[in-house]
N, C-alpha and C. Protein backbone atom coordinates (compact mmCIF):
# COMPACT_ATOMS: atom_id res chain seq x y z
N UNK A 1 22.48 20.70 7.64
CA UNK A 1 22.51 19.48 8.44
C UNK A 1 22.91 18.30 7.56
N UNK A 2 23.73 17.45 8.10
CA UNK A 2 24.25 16.31 7.34
C UNK A 2 23.17 15.25 7.16
N UNK A 3 23.26 14.52 6.07
CA UNK A 3 22.30 13.41 5.88
C UNK A 3 22.42 12.40 7.02
N UNK A 4 21.30 11.76 7.33
CA UNK A 4 21.28 10.79 8.41
C UNK A 4 20.32 9.67 8.05
N UNK A 5 20.44 8.56 8.80
CA UNK A 5 19.50 7.44 8.64
C UNK A 5 18.14 7.85 9.21
N UNK A 6 17.09 7.14 8.78
CA UNK A 6 15.79 7.37 9.40
C UNK A 6 15.87 6.89 10.84
N UNK A 7 15.43 7.72 11.76
CA UNK A 7 15.42 7.35 13.17
C UNK A 7 14.30 6.34 13.42
N UNK A 8 14.31 5.73 14.59
CA UNK A 8 13.25 4.78 14.95
C UNK A 8 11.87 5.45 14.90
N UNK A 9 11.70 6.67 15.44
CA UNK A 9 10.38 7.32 15.31
C UNK A 9 9.99 7.60 13.86
N UNK A 10 10.97 7.94 13.02
CA UNK A 10 10.65 8.17 11.60
C UNK A 10 10.23 6.87 10.93
N UNK A 11 10.92 5.79 11.22
CA UNK A 11 10.53 4.49 10.64
C UNK A 11 9.15 4.07 11.15
N UNK A 12 8.85 4.41 12.39
CA UNK A 12 7.53 4.09 12.95
C UNK A 12 6.41 4.85 12.24
N UNK A 13 6.73 6.02 11.68
CA UNK A 13 5.73 6.78 10.91
C UNK A 13 5.35 6.06 9.62
N UNK A 14 6.16 5.14 9.18
CA UNK A 14 5.82 4.26 8.05
C UNK A 14 5.19 2.97 8.58
N UNK A 15 5.75 2.43 9.64
CA UNK A 15 5.29 1.13 10.14
C UNK A 15 3.87 1.15 10.68
N UNK A 16 3.45 2.22 11.33
CA UNK A 16 2.08 2.27 11.87
C UNK A 16 1.04 2.19 10.75
N UNK A 17 1.13 3.02 9.69
CA UNK A 17 0.17 2.86 8.60
C UNK A 17 0.34 1.54 7.84
N UNK A 18 1.56 1.00 7.83
CA UNK A 18 1.77 -0.31 7.19
C UNK A 18 1.04 -1.40 7.97
N UNK A 19 1.08 -1.32 9.28
CA UNK A 19 0.38 -2.30 10.11
C UNK A 19 -1.13 -2.21 9.89
N UNK A 20 -1.65 -1.00 9.81
CA UNK A 20 -3.08 -0.82 9.54
C UNK A 20 -3.43 -1.39 8.17
N UNK A 21 -2.56 -1.16 7.19
CA UNK A 21 -2.79 -1.69 5.85
C UNK A 21 -2.73 -3.21 5.85
N UNK A 22 -1.82 -3.78 6.62
CA UNK A 22 -1.73 -5.24 6.73
C UNK A 22 -3.02 -5.80 7.32
N UNK A 23 -3.54 -5.14 8.37
CA UNK A 23 -4.80 -5.58 8.97
C UNK A 23 -5.95 -5.48 7.96
N UNK A 24 -5.98 -4.40 7.18
CA UNK A 24 -7.00 -4.26 6.14
C UNK A 24 -6.89 -5.39 5.13
N UNK A 25 -5.66 -5.77 4.79
CA UNK A 25 -5.47 -6.86 3.81
C UNK A 25 -6.07 -8.17 4.34
N UNK A 26 -6.01 -8.38 5.65
CA UNK A 26 -6.60 -9.59 6.22
C UNK A 26 -8.12 -9.56 6.11
N UNK A 27 -8.72 -8.40 6.37
CA UNK A 27 -10.17 -8.26 6.23
C UNK A 27 -10.58 -8.47 4.77
N UNK A 28 -9.83 -7.86 3.86
CA UNK A 28 -10.13 -8.03 2.43
C UNK A 28 -9.94 -9.50 2.03
N UNK A 29 -9.00 -10.18 2.66
CA UNK A 29 -8.82 -11.61 2.40
C UNK A 29 -10.04 -12.42 2.80
N UNK A 30 -10.67 -12.04 3.90
CA UNK A 30 -11.92 -12.71 4.29
C UNK A 30 -13.01 -12.48 3.25
N UNK A 31 -13.12 -11.24 2.79
CA UNK A 31 -14.12 -10.92 1.77
C UNK A 31 -13.84 -11.74 0.50
N UNK A 32 -12.56 -11.84 0.13
CA UNK A 32 -12.18 -12.65 -1.02
C UNK A 32 -12.62 -14.10 -0.82
N UNK A 33 -12.39 -14.63 0.38
CA UNK A 33 -12.80 -16.01 0.68
C UNK A 33 -14.31 -16.17 0.55
N UNK A 34 -15.06 -15.23 1.10
CA UNK A 34 -16.52 -15.29 1.03
C UNK A 34 -16.99 -15.24 -0.42
N UNK A 35 -16.33 -14.42 -1.22
CA UNK A 35 -16.68 -14.33 -2.64
C UNK A 35 -16.36 -15.65 -3.34
N UNK A 36 -15.24 -16.25 -2.98
CA UNK A 36 -14.83 -17.51 -3.62
C UNK A 36 -15.77 -18.66 -3.29
N UNK A 37 -16.27 -18.71 -2.04
CA UNK A 37 -17.17 -19.81 -1.67
C UNK A 37 -18.64 -19.48 -1.93
N UNK A 38 -18.93 -18.22 -2.25
CA UNK A 38 -20.29 -17.85 -2.64
C UNK A 38 -21.22 -17.45 -1.50
N UNK A 39 -20.71 -17.43 -0.28
CA UNK A 39 -21.52 -16.98 0.86
C UNK A 39 -20.59 -16.64 2.03
N UNK A 40 -21.16 -15.96 3.01
CA UNK A 40 -20.41 -15.62 4.21
C UNK A 40 -20.49 -16.81 5.16
N UNK A 41 -19.35 -17.31 5.58
CA UNK A 41 -19.32 -18.43 6.50
C UNK A 41 -18.10 -18.31 7.39
N UNK A 42 -18.34 -18.33 8.69
CA UNK A 42 -17.25 -18.30 9.65
C UNK A 42 -17.63 -19.16 10.85
N UNK A 43 -17.95 -20.41 10.55
CA UNK A 43 -18.36 -21.32 11.61
C UNK A 43 -17.19 -21.51 12.58
N UNK A 44 -17.35 -21.50 13.84
CA UNK A 44 -18.59 -21.45 14.63
C UNK A 44 -19.02 -20.05 15.02
N UNK A 45 -18.31 -19.03 14.52
CA UNK A 45 -18.65 -17.65 14.89
C UNK A 45 -19.94 -17.16 14.23
N UNK A 46 -20.12 -17.51 12.98
CA UNK A 46 -21.29 -17.08 12.22
C UNK A 46 -21.89 -18.26 11.47
N UNK A 47 -23.19 -18.31 11.39
CA UNK A 47 -23.77 -19.32 10.52
C UNK A 47 -23.56 -18.88 9.06
N UNK A 48 -23.74 -19.78 8.14
CA UNK A 48 -23.62 -19.44 6.72
C UNK A 48 -24.70 -18.43 6.36
N UNK A 49 -24.29 -17.32 5.78
CA UNK A 49 -25.22 -16.26 5.36
C UNK A 49 -25.17 -16.15 3.85
N UNK A 50 -26.33 -16.17 3.24
CA UNK A 50 -26.39 -16.00 1.79
C UNK A 50 -26.35 -14.51 1.49
N UNK A 51 -25.17 -14.03 1.15
CA UNK A 51 -24.96 -12.61 0.90
C UNK A 51 -24.09 -12.45 -0.32
N UNK A 52 -24.57 -11.73 -1.28
CA UNK A 52 -23.81 -11.52 -2.52
C UNK A 52 -22.83 -10.37 -2.32
N UNK A 53 -21.56 -10.68 -2.42
CA UNK A 53 -20.53 -9.65 -2.31
C UNK A 53 -20.47 -8.88 -3.63
N UNK A 54 -20.24 -7.56 -3.56
CA UNK A 54 -20.06 -6.82 -4.81
C UNK A 54 -18.74 -7.22 -5.46
N UNK A 55 -18.62 -7.01 -6.74
CA UNK A 55 -17.38 -7.32 -7.43
C UNK A 55 -17.24 -8.79 -7.78
N UNK A 56 -16.07 -9.12 -8.26
CA UNK A 56 -15.80 -10.49 -8.71
C UNK A 56 -14.73 -11.12 -7.83
N UNK A 57 -14.63 -12.42 -7.92
CA UNK A 57 -13.59 -13.13 -7.18
C UNK A 57 -12.20 -12.62 -7.59
N UNK A 58 -11.99 -12.41 -8.88
CA UNK A 58 -10.69 -11.93 -9.35
C UNK A 58 -10.37 -10.54 -8.79
N UNK A 59 -11.37 -9.66 -8.73
CA UNK A 59 -11.15 -8.31 -8.21
C UNK A 59 -10.81 -8.35 -6.72
N UNK A 60 -11.48 -9.21 -5.96
CA UNK A 60 -11.18 -9.33 -4.53
C UNK A 60 -9.82 -9.97 -4.31
N UNK A 61 -9.42 -10.88 -5.18
CA UNK A 61 -8.07 -11.46 -5.09
C UNK A 61 -7.03 -10.36 -5.30
N UNK A 62 -7.26 -9.53 -6.33
CA UNK A 62 -6.33 -8.42 -6.58
C UNK A 62 -6.29 -7.46 -5.39
N UNK A 63 -7.46 -7.15 -4.83
CA UNK A 63 -7.51 -6.23 -3.69
C UNK A 63 -6.78 -6.81 -2.48
N UNK A 64 -6.98 -8.09 -2.22
CA UNK A 64 -6.33 -8.74 -1.08
C UNK A 64 -4.81 -8.77 -1.28
N UNK A 65 -4.38 -9.28 -2.41
CA UNK A 65 -2.94 -9.40 -2.66
C UNK A 65 -2.28 -8.03 -2.82
N UNK A 66 -3.00 -7.08 -3.43
CA UNK A 66 -2.47 -5.72 -3.57
C UNK A 66 -2.26 -5.07 -2.22
N UNK A 67 -3.23 -5.20 -1.33
CA UNK A 67 -3.09 -4.62 0.02
C UNK A 67 -1.94 -5.29 0.77
N UNK A 68 -1.87 -6.60 0.68
CA UNK A 68 -0.81 -7.34 1.36
C UNK A 68 0.56 -6.95 0.81
N UNK A 69 0.69 -6.89 -0.50
CA UNK A 69 1.95 -6.52 -1.14
C UNK A 69 2.36 -5.10 -0.75
N UNK A 70 1.41 -4.18 -0.76
CA UNK A 70 1.73 -2.79 -0.41
C UNK A 70 2.12 -2.67 1.06
N UNK A 71 1.46 -3.39 1.95
CA UNK A 71 1.84 -3.36 3.37
C UNK A 71 3.26 -3.89 3.55
N UNK A 72 3.56 -5.00 2.90
CA UNK A 72 4.92 -5.57 3.01
C UNK A 72 5.97 -4.66 2.39
N UNK A 73 5.63 -4.00 1.29
CA UNK A 73 6.56 -3.06 0.69
C UNK A 73 6.82 -1.88 1.64
N UNK A 74 5.77 -1.40 2.29
CA UNK A 74 5.95 -0.30 3.25
C UNK A 74 6.86 -0.74 4.39
N UNK A 75 6.68 -1.96 4.87
CA UNK A 75 7.53 -2.48 5.94
C UNK A 75 8.98 -2.57 5.46
N UNK A 76 9.18 -3.02 4.23
CA UNK A 76 10.53 -3.11 3.67
C UNK A 76 11.16 -1.73 3.52
N UNK A 77 10.40 -0.75 3.04
CA UNK A 77 10.95 0.61 2.91
C UNK A 77 11.26 1.22 4.27
N UNK A 78 10.45 0.89 5.28
CA UNK A 78 10.74 1.37 6.64
C UNK A 78 12.04 0.74 7.14
N UNK A 79 12.17 -0.55 6.95
CA UNK A 79 13.39 -1.24 7.40
C UNK A 79 14.62 -0.70 6.68
N UNK A 80 14.47 -0.43 5.40
CA UNK A 80 15.60 0.10 4.62
C UNK A 80 16.01 1.49 5.12
N UNK A 81 15.09 2.18 5.76
CA UNK A 81 15.38 3.53 6.25
C UNK A 81 16.55 3.59 7.21
N UNK A 82 16.84 2.51 7.91
CA UNK A 82 17.98 2.51 8.83
C UNK A 82 19.30 2.34 8.09
N UNK A 83 19.25 2.04 6.80
CA UNK A 83 20.47 1.79 6.03
C UNK A 83 20.72 2.83 4.95
N UNK A 84 19.92 3.89 4.93
CA UNK A 84 20.11 4.95 3.94
C UNK A 84 20.34 6.26 4.66
N UNK A 85 20.99 7.20 3.96
CA UNK A 85 21.26 8.52 4.55
C UNK A 85 20.60 9.57 3.67
N UNK A 86 19.69 10.33 4.30
CA UNK A 86 18.97 11.39 3.60
C UNK A 86 18.95 12.65 4.47
N UNK A 87 18.77 13.79 3.82
CA UNK A 87 18.58 15.03 4.57
C UNK A 87 17.24 14.96 5.30
N UNK A 88 17.02 15.86 6.22
CA UNK A 88 15.75 15.88 6.97
C UNK A 88 14.56 16.05 6.03
N UNK A 89 14.68 16.95 5.06
CA UNK A 89 13.59 17.16 4.11
C UNK A 89 13.36 15.91 3.26
N UNK A 90 14.44 15.29 2.79
CA UNK A 90 14.31 14.08 1.97
C UNK A 90 13.70 12.94 2.79
N UNK A 91 14.05 12.86 4.07
CA UNK A 91 13.43 11.83 4.92
C UNK A 91 11.93 12.04 5.04
N UNK A 92 11.50 13.29 5.18
CA UNK A 92 10.06 13.58 5.25
C UNK A 92 9.36 13.20 3.94
N UNK A 93 9.97 13.54 2.82
CA UNK A 93 9.40 13.18 1.51
C UNK A 93 9.35 11.67 1.36
N UNK A 94 10.39 10.99 1.77
CA UNK A 94 10.46 9.52 1.70
C UNK A 94 9.31 8.91 2.49
N UNK A 95 9.11 9.35 3.72
CA UNK A 95 8.07 8.80 4.59
C UNK A 95 6.69 9.03 3.97
N UNK A 96 6.42 10.24 3.55
CA UNK A 96 5.11 10.56 2.96
C UNK A 96 4.91 9.79 1.67
N UNK A 97 5.94 9.69 0.85
CA UNK A 97 5.83 8.97 -0.43
C UNK A 97 5.52 7.49 -0.21
N UNK A 98 6.20 6.86 0.73
CA UNK A 98 5.96 5.44 1.00
C UNK A 98 4.52 5.23 1.45
N UNK A 99 4.05 6.09 2.35
CA UNK A 99 2.68 5.94 2.87
C UNK A 99 1.62 6.21 1.80
N UNK A 100 1.81 7.24 1.00
CA UNK A 100 0.84 7.55 -0.05
C UNK A 100 0.82 6.44 -1.10
N UNK A 101 1.99 5.96 -1.49
CA UNK A 101 2.04 4.89 -2.49
C UNK A 101 1.28 3.66 -2.01
N UNK A 102 1.59 3.21 -0.81
CA UNK A 102 0.94 2.01 -0.28
C UNK A 102 -0.57 2.15 -0.16
N UNK A 103 -1.01 3.25 0.42
CA UNK A 103 -2.44 3.42 0.65
C UNK A 103 -3.21 3.76 -0.63
N UNK A 104 -2.65 4.59 -1.50
CA UNK A 104 -3.36 4.94 -2.74
C UNK A 104 -3.52 3.72 -3.62
N UNK A 105 -2.47 2.92 -3.75
CA UNK A 105 -2.56 1.68 -4.53
C UNK A 105 -3.63 0.76 -3.96
N UNK A 106 -3.60 0.58 -2.65
CA UNK A 106 -4.54 -0.32 -2.01
C UNK A 106 -5.97 0.17 -2.16
N UNK A 107 -6.19 1.45 -1.94
CA UNK A 107 -7.54 2.00 -2.10
C UNK A 107 -8.02 1.88 -3.54
N UNK A 108 -7.09 2.00 -4.49
CA UNK A 108 -7.45 1.79 -5.89
C UNK A 108 -7.95 0.37 -6.12
N UNK A 109 -7.24 -0.61 -5.59
CA UNK A 109 -7.69 -2.01 -5.71
C UNK A 109 -9.04 -2.21 -5.03
N UNK A 110 -9.23 -1.58 -3.87
CA UNK A 110 -10.47 -1.74 -3.12
C UNK A 110 -11.65 -1.11 -3.85
N UNK A 111 -11.47 0.08 -4.39
CA UNK A 111 -12.53 0.72 -5.18
C UNK A 111 -12.88 -0.14 -6.38
N UNK A 112 -11.86 -0.71 -7.02
CA UNK A 112 -12.10 -1.59 -8.16
C UNK A 112 -12.94 -2.79 -7.79
N UNK A 113 -12.65 -3.41 -6.66
CA UNK A 113 -13.40 -4.58 -6.23
C UNK A 113 -14.83 -4.22 -5.82
N UNK A 114 -14.98 -3.13 -5.10
CA UNK A 114 -16.31 -2.74 -4.61
C UNK A 114 -17.26 -2.30 -5.72
N UNK A 115 -16.72 -1.64 -6.74
CA UNK A 115 -17.58 -1.05 -7.76
C UNK A 115 -17.42 -1.67 -9.14
N UNK A 116 -16.60 -2.69 -9.26
CA UNK A 116 -16.46 -3.38 -10.54
C UNK A 116 -15.84 -2.53 -11.62
N UNK A 117 -14.86 -1.70 -11.23
CA UNK A 117 -14.16 -0.86 -12.21
C UNK A 117 -12.69 -1.19 -12.18
N UNK A 118 -11.97 -0.78 -13.21
CA UNK A 118 -10.53 -1.09 -13.28
C UNK A 118 -9.65 0.16 -13.15
N UNK A 119 -10.18 1.33 -13.52
CA UNK A 119 -9.40 2.54 -13.40
C UNK A 119 -8.22 2.62 -14.34
N UNK A 120 -8.34 1.99 -15.50
CA UNK A 120 -7.23 1.99 -16.45
C UNK A 120 -7.12 3.30 -17.23
N UNK A 121 -8.22 4.05 -17.29
CA UNK A 121 -8.21 5.37 -17.90
C UNK A 121 -9.26 6.22 -17.22
N UNK A 122 -9.07 7.53 -17.31
CA UNK A 122 -10.00 8.47 -16.67
C UNK A 122 -11.29 8.53 -17.48
N UNK A 123 -12.42 8.61 -16.78
CA UNK A 123 -13.71 8.75 -17.44
C UNK A 123 -14.64 7.61 -17.12
N UNK A 124 -15.83 7.71 -17.67
CA UNK A 124 -16.86 6.72 -17.38
C UNK A 124 -17.49 7.02 -16.03
N UNK A 125 -17.80 5.98 -15.28
CA UNK A 125 -18.40 6.16 -13.96
C UNK A 125 -17.44 6.90 -13.04
N UNK A 126 -18.00 7.66 -12.09
CA UNK A 126 -17.15 8.41 -11.17
C UNK A 126 -16.25 7.47 -10.37
N UNK A 127 -16.71 6.27 -10.11
CA UNK A 127 -15.89 5.31 -9.36
C UNK A 127 -14.68 4.87 -10.18
N UNK A 128 -14.85 4.77 -11.49
CA UNK A 128 -13.71 4.44 -12.36
C UNK A 128 -12.69 5.57 -12.35
N UNK A 129 -13.18 6.81 -12.42
CA UNK A 129 -12.27 7.96 -12.38
C UNK A 129 -11.56 8.04 -11.03
N UNK A 130 -12.28 7.77 -9.95
CA UNK A 130 -11.65 7.76 -8.63
C UNK A 130 -10.57 6.68 -8.57
N UNK A 131 -10.88 5.51 -9.07
CA UNK A 131 -9.92 4.41 -9.12
C UNK A 131 -8.67 4.84 -9.90
N UNK A 132 -8.88 5.42 -11.06
CA UNK A 132 -7.78 5.90 -11.89
C UNK A 132 -6.92 6.91 -11.13
N UNK A 133 -7.57 7.87 -10.46
CA UNK A 133 -6.85 8.92 -9.75
C UNK A 133 -6.05 8.35 -8.56
N UNK A 134 -6.60 7.35 -7.88
CA UNK A 134 -5.86 6.72 -6.79
C UNK A 134 -4.59 6.04 -7.30
N UNK A 135 -4.72 5.29 -8.40
CA UNK A 135 -3.53 4.65 -8.98
C UNK A 135 -2.56 5.71 -9.51
N UNK A 136 -3.10 6.77 -10.12
CA UNK A 136 -2.25 7.83 -10.65
C UNK A 136 -1.48 8.53 -9.53
N UNK A 137 -2.13 8.74 -8.39
CA UNK A 137 -1.47 9.37 -7.25
C UNK A 137 -0.27 8.55 -6.78
N UNK A 138 -0.36 7.24 -6.88
CA UNK A 138 0.72 6.37 -6.42
C UNK A 138 1.93 6.37 -7.36
N UNK A 139 1.75 6.80 -8.59
CA UNK A 139 2.87 6.74 -9.55
C UNK A 139 4.01 7.68 -9.17
N UNK A 140 3.78 9.00 -9.03
CA UNK A 140 4.92 9.87 -8.70
C UNK A 140 5.52 9.58 -7.32
N UNK A 141 4.67 9.17 -6.38
CA UNK A 141 5.21 8.87 -5.05
C UNK A 141 6.05 7.60 -5.07
N UNK A 142 5.66 6.62 -5.90
CA UNK A 142 6.47 5.41 -6.02
C UNK A 142 7.84 5.73 -6.62
N UNK A 143 7.85 6.58 -7.64
CA UNK A 143 9.13 6.98 -8.23
C UNK A 143 9.96 7.78 -7.23
N UNK A 144 9.30 8.66 -6.47
CA UNK A 144 10.02 9.47 -5.48
C UNK A 144 10.66 8.58 -4.42
N UNK A 145 9.91 7.61 -3.90
CA UNK A 145 10.48 6.75 -2.85
C UNK A 145 11.61 5.89 -3.41
N UNK A 146 11.45 5.40 -4.64
CA UNK A 146 12.53 4.60 -5.24
C UNK A 146 13.78 5.44 -5.45
N UNK A 147 13.60 6.66 -5.95
CA UNK A 147 14.73 7.57 -6.18
C UNK A 147 15.43 7.89 -4.86
N UNK A 148 14.64 8.20 -3.82
CA UNK A 148 15.23 8.54 -2.53
C UNK A 148 15.92 7.33 -1.90
N UNK A 149 15.38 6.15 -2.08
CA UNK A 149 16.03 4.94 -1.58
C UNK A 149 17.40 4.79 -2.25
N UNK A 150 17.44 4.98 -3.56
CA UNK A 150 18.69 4.87 -4.30
C UNK A 150 19.68 5.95 -3.86
N UNK A 151 19.19 7.19 -3.77
CA UNK A 151 20.06 8.29 -3.34
C UNK A 151 20.59 8.06 -1.93
N UNK A 152 19.71 7.60 -1.06
CA UNK A 152 20.11 7.34 0.32
C UNK A 152 21.11 6.21 0.44
N UNK A 153 20.95 5.19 -0.38
CA UNK A 153 21.91 4.08 -0.38
C UNK A 153 23.27 4.55 -0.89
N UNK A 154 23.26 5.37 -1.92
CA UNK A 154 24.52 5.91 -2.44
C UNK A 154 25.22 6.78 -1.40
N UNK A 155 24.43 7.60 -0.70
CA UNK A 155 25.01 8.46 0.35
C UNK A 155 25.60 7.61 1.47
N UNK A 156 24.91 6.53 1.81
CA UNK A 156 25.42 5.61 2.85
C UNK A 156 26.73 4.97 2.40
N UNK A 157 26.80 4.56 1.13
CA UNK A 157 28.03 3.97 0.62
C UNK A 157 29.18 4.96 0.66
N UNK A 158 28.90 6.19 0.24
CA UNK A 158 29.94 7.23 0.24
C UNK A 158 30.41 7.53 1.67
N UNK A 159 29.46 7.55 2.60
CA UNK A 159 29.81 7.81 4.00
C UNK A 159 30.62 6.70 4.61
N UNK A 160 30.30 5.46 4.24
CA UNK A 160 31.02 4.30 4.76
C UNK A 160 32.43 4.23 4.18
N UNK A 161 32.58 4.72 2.94
CA UNK A 161 33.88 4.66 2.28
C UNK A 161 34.83 5.73 2.81
N UNK A 162 34.26 6.78 3.39
CA UNK A 162 35.12 7.90 3.86
C UNK A 162 35.82 7.60 5.16
């Protein structure tokens, strides 16, 4: 079968989890705000609640911006899918890679904020190792999606030139 662009349903398989990730980034942004002001406050919906959030302000900032960045990257990779040509198998790998990269990175940031770990190396607390493994999982999938994007763009150029 000849290479083809990602169909609308294929792009939607990236966009649906991207939308969920974007919504999560908004919730994490609220937590970041509560951490920054030192209490939970959402007047007039909630009175000020004295509640200590786990983690640090910097960790919640990273989690919020990381989730937001990954959601937007997923949306960009989905949009690019209409301009690249890949085989059916490569399209499946592309879709799975984009989704795993976005969610694994985001969950890594979230674990870091919740448990005060960075995940820069394996070992120590189990939460640090989990954080490390989530970030590690995103590495090969990020390279795979970048490679497939490049290959798909080249195939599109060759097809347009013919």
